[in-house]
Amino acid sequence: MLKRQEPPLHVWSRPTMALLAAIGFGITSYLTITHFGTGQVALCDSQGAGCDLVLSSEWAKVFGIPLTIFGALGYLVVGGLAIAPLVLKKPQPKQQERWKRQVAFLLFMASTAMLVFSGYLMYLIAFVIRTADGEVTFCLYCVSSATLVTGIWLLNLFGNDWDDVGQLLFAGILIGVVVLTGTVGVYAMQRQFTAVNESFAGRLAQHLQTTNSRMFGAFWCPHCRDQKERFGAAATQIPYVECDPRGENPQVQLCRDKKIEGYPTWEIRGTLYSGDLSLDELARLSGYQGAR
């Protein structure tokens, strides 16, 4: 019985995907190294335009972590999946064929997630990120990465025989919706978090933390609630000490040692101040010199 001959595309798709993934890993690793280093990224305009602007924008990080790290990990995953059937072979032809199909499906899901995310980044570059003059930006590295991901996705799609195209389509749509929804949600949270940190209240709360200032209070205290409301969304960053043993994470002994008699009471620079204080008063007492 003659062995079924694989089409040339099926034969060469896996090593080609591995090669594309290796190139993508190299690009993202280089950008990660230059991000943490002091060197200028090659082929980038240092005048706040092009890929320099894109790579330094708020969209290039997720809560302080460069996207290039996630990109490098993604390329490692798809590259490993691409070569897995070539290096980890099964003893029986049927087992090998089943193994190839399983890996191809996993590769489809991983590459689809990367494709959707790359597509969203291309949308940001085309319609959201702008230069100081309002011009459209262009990022050679971003476009190259998106092209590599698209190539991997297409090679995997057409380089394999699929038993159930409907299941594949459903899985692709599901992955796309989850990735897109998660991406938009994470960026929205990040923008809100950044806005809070860059507000006067957010900066002041961080300053109070770094100067070892503390607010002593009780969960049932209405004046304590008023004090927290002055900070708005930054209230969670207040260095707060709960004095009531029934409250959350109470530090009763500390309150006793400090001889706290009323709520709220602030300890700033070793001095206790009673009452609901304005943000300006807290800034003056703590020596805050930042923007307001």
Protein backbone atom coordinates (compact mmCIF):
# COMPACT_ATOMS: atom_id res chain seq x y z
CA MET A 1 0.00 0.00 0.00
CA LEU A 2 1.44 3.33 -1.09
CA LYS A 3 1.86 6.05 1.51
CA ARG A 4 -0.32 9.09 0.86
CA GLN A 5 1.80 11.94 -0.47
CA GLU A 6 1.32 15.24 1.37
CA PRO A 7 0.79 18.35 -0.78
CA PRO A 8 3.92 20.57 -0.97
CA LEU A 9 2.18 23.35 1.00
CA HIS A 10 1.45 20.95 3.84
CA VAL A 11 5.07 19.81 3.88
CA TRP A 12 6.68 23.26 3.83
CA SER A 13 4.13 25.16 5.89
CA ARG A 14 5.47 24.00 9.26
CA PRO A 15 9.17 24.87 8.78
CA THR A 16 8.12 28.13 7.12
CA MET A 17 5.90 29.03 10.09
CA ALA A 18 8.78 28.21 12.43
CA LEU A 19 11.04 30.50 10.42
CA LEU A 20 8.52 33.35 10.50
CA ALA A 21 8.06 32.84 14.25
CA ALA A 22 11.84 32.97 14.74
CA ILE A 23 12.01 36.26 12.85
CA GLY A 24 9.14 37.65 14.94
CA PHE A 25 10.83 36.49 18.14
CA GLY A 26 14.01 38.22 17.05
CA ILE A 27 12.21 41.51 16.36
CA THR A 28 10.25 41.54 19.61
CA SER A 29 13.31 40.48 21.63
CA TYR A 30 15.35 43.29 20.08
CA LEU A 31 12.66 45.85 20.93
CA THR A 32 12.43 44.51 24.48
CA ILE A 33 16.18 44.79 24.97
CA THR A 34 16.29 48.34 23.62
CA HIS A 35 13.31 49.28 25.81
CA PHE A 36 15.14 48.32 29.00
CA GLY A 37 18.47 49.49 27.67
CA THR A 38 19.69 52.92 26.67
CA GLY A 39 20.16 52.38 22.97
CA GLN A 40 18.03 54.01 20.26
CA VAL A 41 15.86 51.65 18.24
CA ALA A 42 17.22 51.33 14.71
CA LEU A 43 15.14 52.83 11.89
CA CYS A 44 13.11 54.87 14.39
CA ASP A 45 12.66 58.63 14.26
CA SER A 46 13.87 60.13 17.55
CA GLN A 47 11.82 63.30 17.01
CA GLY A 48 8.55 61.90 18.32
CA ALA A 49 7.20 60.46 15.10
CA GLY A 50 6.87 57.07 13.40
CA CYS A 51 7.75 53.95 15.34
CA ASP A 52 9.44 56.04 18.05
CA LEU A 53 6.07 57.59 18.85
CA VAL A 54 4.23 54.28 18.69
CA LEU A 55 6.72 52.37 20.85
CA SER A 56 6.71 55.10 23.51
CA SER A 57 2.93 55.55 23.56
CA GLU A 58 0.56 54.36 26.28
CA TRP A 59 -0.59 51.59 23.92
CA ALA A 60 2.88 50.00 23.87
CA LYS A 61 2.60 48.81 27.47
CA VAL A 62 0.11 46.92 29.60
CA PHE A 63 0.32 48.23 33.18
CA GLY A 64 3.99 49.04 32.67
CA ILE A 65 4.93 45.79 30.90
CA PRO A 66 6.10 46.29 27.26
CA LEU A 67 3.93 44.54 24.70
CA THR A 68 7.07 43.24 23.04
CA ILE A 69 7.51 40.77 25.92
CA PHE A 70 4.07 39.29 25.24
CA GLY A 71 4.87 39.30 21.53
CA ALA A 72 8.08 37.35 22.07
CA LEU A 73 6.25 34.78 24.19
CA GLY A 74 3.55 34.49 21.53
CA TYR A 75 6.11 33.83 18.80
CA LEU A 76 7.78 31.21 20.99
CA VAL A 77 4.45 29.42 21.41
CA VAL A 78 3.48 29.40 17.72
CA GLY A 79 7.03 28.50 16.70
CA GLY A 80 7.07 25.58 19.12
CA LEU A 81 3.70 24.36 17.90
CA ALA A 82 4.82 24.64 14.28
CA ILE A 83 7.81 22.35 14.73
CA ALA A 84 6.25 20.01 17.31
CA PRO A 85 4.98 17.46 14.73
CA LEU A 86 8.41 17.50 13.05
CA VAL A 87 10.46 16.71 16.16
CA LEU A 88 7.97 14.75 18.27
CA LYS A 89 6.77 12.03 15.92
CA LYS A 90 4.38 9.23 16.80
CA PRO A 91 5.19 5.58 16.00
CA GLN A 92 2.04 4.91 13.96
CA PRO A 93 0.96 6.91 10.86
CA LYS A 94 -2.60 7.34 12.18
CA GLN A 95 -1.31 8.56 15.52
CA GLN A 96 1.03 10.98 13.75
CA GLU A 97 -1.81 12.31 11.61
CA ARG A 98 -4.02 12.79 14.68
CA TRP A 99 -1.12 14.52 16.45
CA LYS A 100 -0.65 16.90 13.51
CA ARG A 101 -4.32 17.83 13.53
CA GLN A 102 -4.35 18.48 17.28
CA VAL A 103 -1.27 20.69 17.08
CA ALA A 104 -2.65 22.49 14.03
CA PHE A 105 -5.84 23.33 15.94
CA LEU A 106 -3.85 24.67 18.91
CA LEU A 107 -1.70 26.66 16.50
CA PHE A 108 -4.84 28.03 14.86
CA MET A 109 -6.17 29.30 18.19
CA ALA A 110 -2.82 30.84 19.22
CA SER A 111 -2.21 32.50 15.85
CA THR A 112 -5.81 33.75 15.69
CA ALA A 113 -5.38 35.43 19.07
CA MET A 114 -2.16 37.08 17.87
CA LEU A 115 -3.79 38.06 14.58
CA VAL A 116 -6.74 39.77 16.27
CA PHE A 117 -4.47 41.61 18.69
CA SER A 118 -2.16 42.69 15.86
CA GLY A 119 -5.19 43.89 13.92
CA TYR A 120 -6.27 46.02 16.88
CA LEU A 121 -2.80 47.55 17.10
CA MET A 122 -2.91 48.33 13.38
CA TYR A 123 -6.24 50.08 13.98
CA LEU A 124 -4.65 52.17 16.75
CA ILE A 125 -1.73 53.12 14.52
CA ALA A 126 -4.01 54.06 11.64
CA PHE A 127 -6.75 55.93 13.50
CA VAL A 128 -5.75 56.72 17.10
CA ILE A 129 -2.03 57.36 17.57
CA ARG A 130 -1.06 60.69 16.02
CA THR A 131 2.00 62.91 15.88
CA ALA A 132 2.02 66.36 17.49
CA ASP A 133 0.87 67.74 14.12
CA GLY A 134 -1.99 65.27 13.91
CA GLU A 135 -0.36 63.17 11.19
CA VAL A 136 -0.76 59.40 10.83
CA THR A 137 2.10 57.38 12.28
CA PHE A 138 3.94 54.46 10.71
CA CYS A 139 5.77 51.78 12.68
CA LEU A 140 7.94 49.50 10.54
CA TYR A 141 8.38 46.97 13.35
CA CYS A 142 4.64 46.87 14.10
CA VAL A 143 3.70 46.36 10.46
CA SER A 144 6.41 43.71 10.06
CA SER A 145 5.13 41.83 13.10
CA ALA A 146 1.54 42.01 11.87
CA THR A 147 2.69 40.68 8.47
CA LEU A 148 4.54 37.78 10.10
CA VAL A 149 1.52 36.87 12.22
CA THR A 150 -0.75 37.00 9.18
CA GLY A 151 1.63 34.76 7.26
CA ILE A 152 1.73 32.21 10.09
CA TRP A 153 -2.07 32.22 10.35
CA LEU A 154 -2.56 31.72 6.59
CA LEU A 155 0.08 28.99 6.33
CA ASN A 156 -1.50 27.06 9.17
CA LEU A 157 -4.98 27.53 7.76
CA PHE A 158 -4.16 26.33 4.23
CA GLY A 159 -1.32 24.00 5.19
CA ASN A 160 -3.55 21.48 6.96
CA ASP A 161 -6.60 19.32 6.27
CA TRP A 162 -9.45 20.25 8.59
CA ASP A 163 -12.11 17.69 9.53
CA ASP A 164 -14.72 20.20 10.69
CA VAL A 165 -14.52 23.65 9.11
CA GLY A 166 -17.57 24.77 11.07
CA GLN A 167 -15.88 23.97 14.38
CA LEU A 168 -12.77 25.80 13.20
CA LEU A 169 -14.82 28.86 12.24
CA PHE A 170 -16.65 28.86 15.57
CA ALA A 171 -13.38 28.55 17.51
CA GLY A 172 -11.84 31.39 15.49
CA ILE A 173 -14.79 33.71 16.10
CA LEU A 174 -14.85 32.84 19.80
CA ILE A 175 -11.12 33.47 20.22
CA GLY A 176 -11.40 36.72 18.29
CA VAL A 177 -14.27 38.03 20.41
CA VAL A 178 -12.54 37.07 23.68
CA VAL A 179 -9.20 38.62 22.66
CA LEU A 180 -10.76 41.82 21.29
CA THR A 181 -13.04 42.27 24.30
CA GLY A 182 -10.21 41.57 26.73
CA THR A 183 -7.84 43.93 24.90
CA VAL A 184 -10.30 46.83 24.85
CA GLY A 185 -11.17 46.21 28.50
CA VAL A 186 -7.54 46.08 29.66
CA TYR A 187 -6.65 49.27 27.80
CA ALA A 188 -9.71 51.01 29.25
CA MET A 189 -8.68 49.98 32.77
CA GLN A 190 -5.13 51.10 32.10
CA ARG A 191 -6.25 54.52 30.87
CA GLN A 192 -8.47 54.99 33.91
CA PHE A 193 -5.66 53.91 36.23
CA THR A 194 -3.24 56.30 34.52
CA ALA A 195 -5.73 59.17 34.71
CA VAL A 196 -6.19 58.59 38.45
CA ASN A 197 -2.45 58.44 39.09
CA GLU A 198 -1.84 61.63 37.12
CA SER A 199 -4.56 63.61 38.92
CA PHE A 200 -3.80 65.88 41.88
CA ALA A 201 -5.51 63.46 44.26
CA GLY A 202 -3.59 60.49 42.85
CA ARG A 203 -0.23 62.25 43.02
CA LEU A 204 -0.96 63.44 46.56
CA ALA A 205 -1.97 59.94 47.71
CA GLN A 206 1.28 58.53 46.32
CA HIS A 207 3.23 61.34 48.01
CA LEU A 208 1.57 60.56 51.34
CA GLN A 209 2.59 56.93 50.94
CA THR A 210 6.22 57.73 50.16
CA THR A 211 6.48 60.13 53.12
CA ASN A 212 5.09 57.49 55.52
CA SER A 213 2.01 59.57 56.29
CA ARG A 214 -1.04 57.69 57.59
CA MET A 215 -4.75 58.25 58.07
CA PHE A 216 -6.22 56.60 61.18
CA GLY A 217 -9.95 55.91 61.05
CA ALA A 218 -12.84 53.53 61.60
CA PHE A 219 -15.12 51.87 59.06
CA TRP A 220 -18.25 53.37 60.64
CA CYS A 221 -16.89 56.94 60.83
CA PRO A 222 -18.83 59.35 58.52
CA HIS A 223 -16.01 61.93 58.59
CA CYS A 224 -13.60 59.21 57.46
CA ARG A 225 -15.86 58.51 54.48
CA ASP A 226 -15.92 62.23 53.69
CA GLN A 227 -12.14 62.34 53.88
CA LYS A 228 -11.80 59.43 51.45
CA GLU A 229 -14.34 60.95 49.07
CA ARG A 230 -12.09 64.00 48.71
CA PHE A 231 -9.61 61.72 46.91
CA GLY A 232 -12.23 60.35 44.50
CA ALA A 233 -11.00 57.35 42.52
CA ALA A 234 -7.60 57.64 44.23
CA ALA A 235 -9.13 56.85 47.64
CA THR A 236 -7.86 53.27 47.46
CA GLN A 237 -4.28 54.62 47.46
CA ILE A 238 -4.65 56.47 50.76
CA PRO A 239 -2.29 55.04 53.43
CA TYR A 240 -5.17 54.09 55.72
CA VAL A 241 -5.05 52.43 59.16
CA GLU A 242 -8.25 50.79 60.50
CA CYS A 243 -8.57 51.28 64.27
CA ASP A 244 -11.82 49.43 64.97
CA PRO A 245 -11.25 45.71 65.70
CA ARG A 246 -14.41 44.90 63.74
CA GLY A 247 -13.09 46.58 60.61
CA GLU A 248 -11.06 45.12 57.77
CA ASN A 249 -7.39 44.48 58.58
CA PRO A 250 -7.51 46.38 61.88
CA GLN A 251 -4.34 47.61 63.61
CA VAL A 252 -5.79 48.31 67.04
CA GLN A 253 -2.50 48.23 68.94
CA LEU A 254 -0.91 50.73 66.56
CA CYS A 255 -3.83 53.10 67.09
CA ARG A 256 -3.44 52.72 70.85
CA ASP A 257 0.30 53.31 70.68
CA LYS A 258 -0.31 56.50 68.69
CA LYS A 259 -3.01 57.51 71.23
CA ILE A 260 -5.61 58.12 68.52
CA GLU A 261 -8.67 59.69 70.17
CA GLY A 262 -10.81 60.74 67.20
CA TYR A 263 -11.37 59.90 63.56
CA PRO A 264 -10.01 60.70 61.13
CA THR A 265 -6.55 61.53 62.44
CA TRP A 266 -3.59 62.06 60.14
CA GLU A 267 0.00 61.37 61.07
CA ILE A 268 2.19 63.58 58.87
CA ARG A 269 5.88 64.10 59.50
CA GLY A 270 5.51 62.68 62.99
CA THR A 271 2.71 65.09 63.96
CA LEU A 272 -0.95 64.17 64.48
CA TYR A 273 -3.69 66.26 62.83
CA SER A 274 -7.36 65.62 63.66
CA GLY A 275 -10.36 66.10 61.41
CA ASP A 276 -11.37 65.94 57.76
CA LEU A 277 -8.60 67.87 55.95
CA SER A 278 -8.77 69.33 52.46
CA LEU A 279 -6.36 68.09 49.79
CA ASP A 280 -4.62 71.48 49.83
CA GLU A 281 -4.12 71.22 53.60
CA LEU A 282 -2.71 67.72 53.27
CA ALA A 283 -0.41 68.89 50.49
CA ARG A 284 0.88 71.79 52.60
CA LEU A 285 1.39 69.73 55.75
CA SER A 286 3.16 66.91 53.89
CA GLY A 287 5.36 69.17 51.77
CA TYR A 288 3.86 68.09 48.44
CA GLN A 289 5.43 70.07 45.58
CA GLY A 290 3.88 68.36 42.54
CA ALA A 291 1.31 69.52 40.02
CA ARG A 292 -2.23 70.25 41.16
